[in-house]
Amino acid sequence: MGDLTTPNAYNQCAGFSQVYMNAIWSPNFTFRGNGNVTAETVAKATGVKVTTTPKAGAVFASDRPNHTGVVLHVLANGDLIVANQNAGTSKDYEITLVPKKDYAKDSQAVGYGDMTFAYPGDN
């Protein structure tokens, strides 16, 4: 299956989130599958609740279009700086500014709508 310790392990968003969360929280996550369940998976593994409130160091999950990544910073106005990866060549990741209106409930923003978060530091 390849190297499970580097962000280009799968060239997919879920693999990137897994590796990043393991690097900063060290619980040895091994989640697979769809990005939209990543926050729930991290919450279950660490005993925290899924929330709609972002924090730096949290994993995010989005139903549109089934995406995940990690929150690097929450700006004072509520906008997010996130890191995420999509299918593509190895090391194909990006840092993205996500306006608060784009990750809010019922947002139709592609890749970031209806975001939920799990922050292992809450336990």
Protein backbone atom coordinates (compact mmCIF):
# COMPACT_ATOMS: atom_id res chain seq x y z
CA MET A 1 0.00 0.00 0.00
CA GLY A 2 2.95 2.31 0.26
CA ASP A 3 4.38 4.62 2.87
CA LEU A 4 1.71 5.59 5.42
CA THR A 5 3.82 8.22 7.14
CA THR A 6 4.13 10.93 4.51
CA PRO A 7 1.44 13.26 3.14
CA ASN A 8 1.80 11.80 -0.34
CA ALA A 9 0.96 8.31 0.94
CA TYR A 10 -2.27 8.22 -1.05
CA ASN A 11 -2.28 11.52 -2.94
CA GLN A 12 -5.73 12.03 -1.45
CA CYS A 13 -7.25 14.31 1.16
CA ALA A 14 -7.94 11.55 3.73
CA GLY A 15 -4.35 10.30 3.59
CA PHE A 16 -3.04 13.82 4.08
CA SER A 17 -5.32 14.40 7.09
CA GLN A 18 -4.30 11.07 8.62
CA VAL A 19 -0.61 11.80 8.34
CA TYR A 20 -0.95 15.37 9.59
CA MET A 21 -3.08 14.39 12.59
CA ASN A 22 -0.62 11.61 13.46
CA ALA A 23 2.25 14.08 13.28
CA ILE A 24 0.72 16.59 15.71
CA TRP A 25 -1.41 14.34 17.97
CA SER A 26 0.37 10.95 17.72
CA PRO A 27 -2.63 8.65 18.26
CA ASN A 28 -1.70 6.52 15.23
CA PHE A 29 -4.85 7.13 13.21
CA THR A 30 -5.41 4.65 10.41
CA PHE A 31 -8.63 5.96 8.86
CA ARG A 32 -9.46 5.24 5.26
CA GLY A 33 -12.24 6.20 2.94
CA ASN A 34 -14.21 9.34 2.45
CA GLY A 35 -13.20 12.77 3.68
CA ASN A 36 -16.68 13.63 4.88
CA VAL A 37 -16.37 11.20 7.83
CA THR A 38 -12.85 12.16 8.89
CA ALA A 39 -13.87 14.49 11.75
CA GLU A 40 -16.19 11.78 13.10
CA THR A 41 -13.43 9.17 12.89
CA VAL A 42 -10.92 11.38 14.73
CA ALA A 43 -13.53 12.29 17.36
CA LYS A 44 -14.34 8.63 18.04
CA ALA A 45 -10.66 7.67 18.24
CA THR A 46 -9.82 10.46 20.70
CA GLY A 47 -13.03 10.73 22.73
CA VAL A 48 -13.92 14.26 21.66
CA LYS A 49 -17.08 15.63 20.08
CA VAL A 50 -17.53 16.73 16.50
CA THR A 51 -18.23 20.46 16.40
CA THR A 52 -18.93 23.27 13.97
CA THR A 53 -16.39 25.49 15.76
CA PRO A 54 -12.92 25.40 14.17
CA LYS A 55 -9.62 25.47 16.08
CA ALA A 56 -6.04 25.36 14.86
CA GLY A 57 -4.91 21.74 14.96
CA ALA A 58 -8.37 20.34 14.19
CA VAL A 59 -9.22 18.07 11.31
CA PHE A 60 -12.14 19.17 9.16
CA ALA A 61 -14.66 17.21 7.16
CA SER A 62 -16.92 18.59 4.44
CA ASP A 63 -19.88 17.06 2.69
CA ARG A 64 -19.24 19.14 -0.40
CA PRO A 65 -17.74 17.29 -2.18
CA ASN A 66 -16.64 14.78 0.41
CA HIS A 67 -13.39 16.46 1.48
CA THR A 68 -11.06 16.73 4.48
CA GLY A 69 -7.99 18.62 5.63
CA VAL A 70 -6.58 20.33 8.70
CA VAL A 71 -7.05 23.76 10.23
CA LEU A 72 -3.78 25.66 10.47
CA HIS A 73 -5.15 28.94 11.82
CA VAL A 74 -8.44 30.67 12.62
CA LEU A 75 -8.29 34.37 11.80
CA ALA A 76 -9.95 36.96 14.07
CA ASN A 77 -12.82 37.36 11.59
CA GLY A 78 -13.50 33.59 11.59
CA ASP A 79 -11.89 32.84 8.22
CA LEU A 80 -9.70 29.73 8.16
CA ILE A 81 -6.30 28.87 6.79
CA VAL A 82 -6.35 25.16 6.01
CA ALA A 83 -4.02 22.59 4.50
CA ASN A 84 -5.46 19.90 2.26
CA GLN A 85 -4.54 17.53 -0.54
CA ASN A 86 -6.35 16.18 -3.56
CA ALA A 87 -5.75 13.48 -6.15
CA GLY A 88 -2.78 14.34 -8.29
CA THR A 89 0.94 14.01 -8.32
CA SER A 90 2.91 13.27 -5.19
CA LYS A 91 3.24 16.22 -2.80
CA ASP A 92 0.18 17.85 -4.40
CA TYR A 93 -1.10 19.75 -1.37
CA GLU A 94 -2.21 23.32 -0.83
CA ILE A 95 -2.71 25.97 1.80
CA THR A 96 -6.11 27.62 1.36
CA LEU A 97 -7.96 30.59 2.84
CA VAL A 98 -11.57 29.59 3.52
CA PRO A 99 -13.92 32.49 4.29
CA LYS A 100 -16.27 31.90 7.21
CA LYS A 101 -19.33 32.14 4.95
CA ASP A 102 -17.95 29.26 2.84
CA TYR A 103 -17.63 26.72 5.65
CA ALA A 104 -20.82 27.62 7.51
CA LYS A 105 -23.80 25.29 7.76
CA ASP A 106 -25.70 25.01 4.49
CA SER A 107 -22.90 26.65 2.53
CA GLN A 108 -22.69 25.39 -1.03
CA ALA A 109 -18.95 26.14 -1.33
CA VAL A 110 -17.26 23.32 -3.19
CA GLY A 111 -14.78 21.51 -0.94
CA TYR A 112 -15.67 23.42 2.20
CA GLY A 113 -19.46 23.54 2.64
CA ASP A 114 -21.01 22.28 5.89
CA MET A 115 -17.63 21.75 7.58
CA THR A 116 -17.37 19.92 10.88
CA PHE A 117 -14.27 19.72 13.06
CA ALA A 118 -12.63 17.41 15.57
CA TYR A 119 -9.92 18.74 17.87
CA PRO A 120 -8.13 16.01 19.88
CA GLY A 121 -6.84 18.63 22.35
CA ASP A 122 -10.35 18.93 23.80
CA ASN A 123 -9.98 15.75 25.86
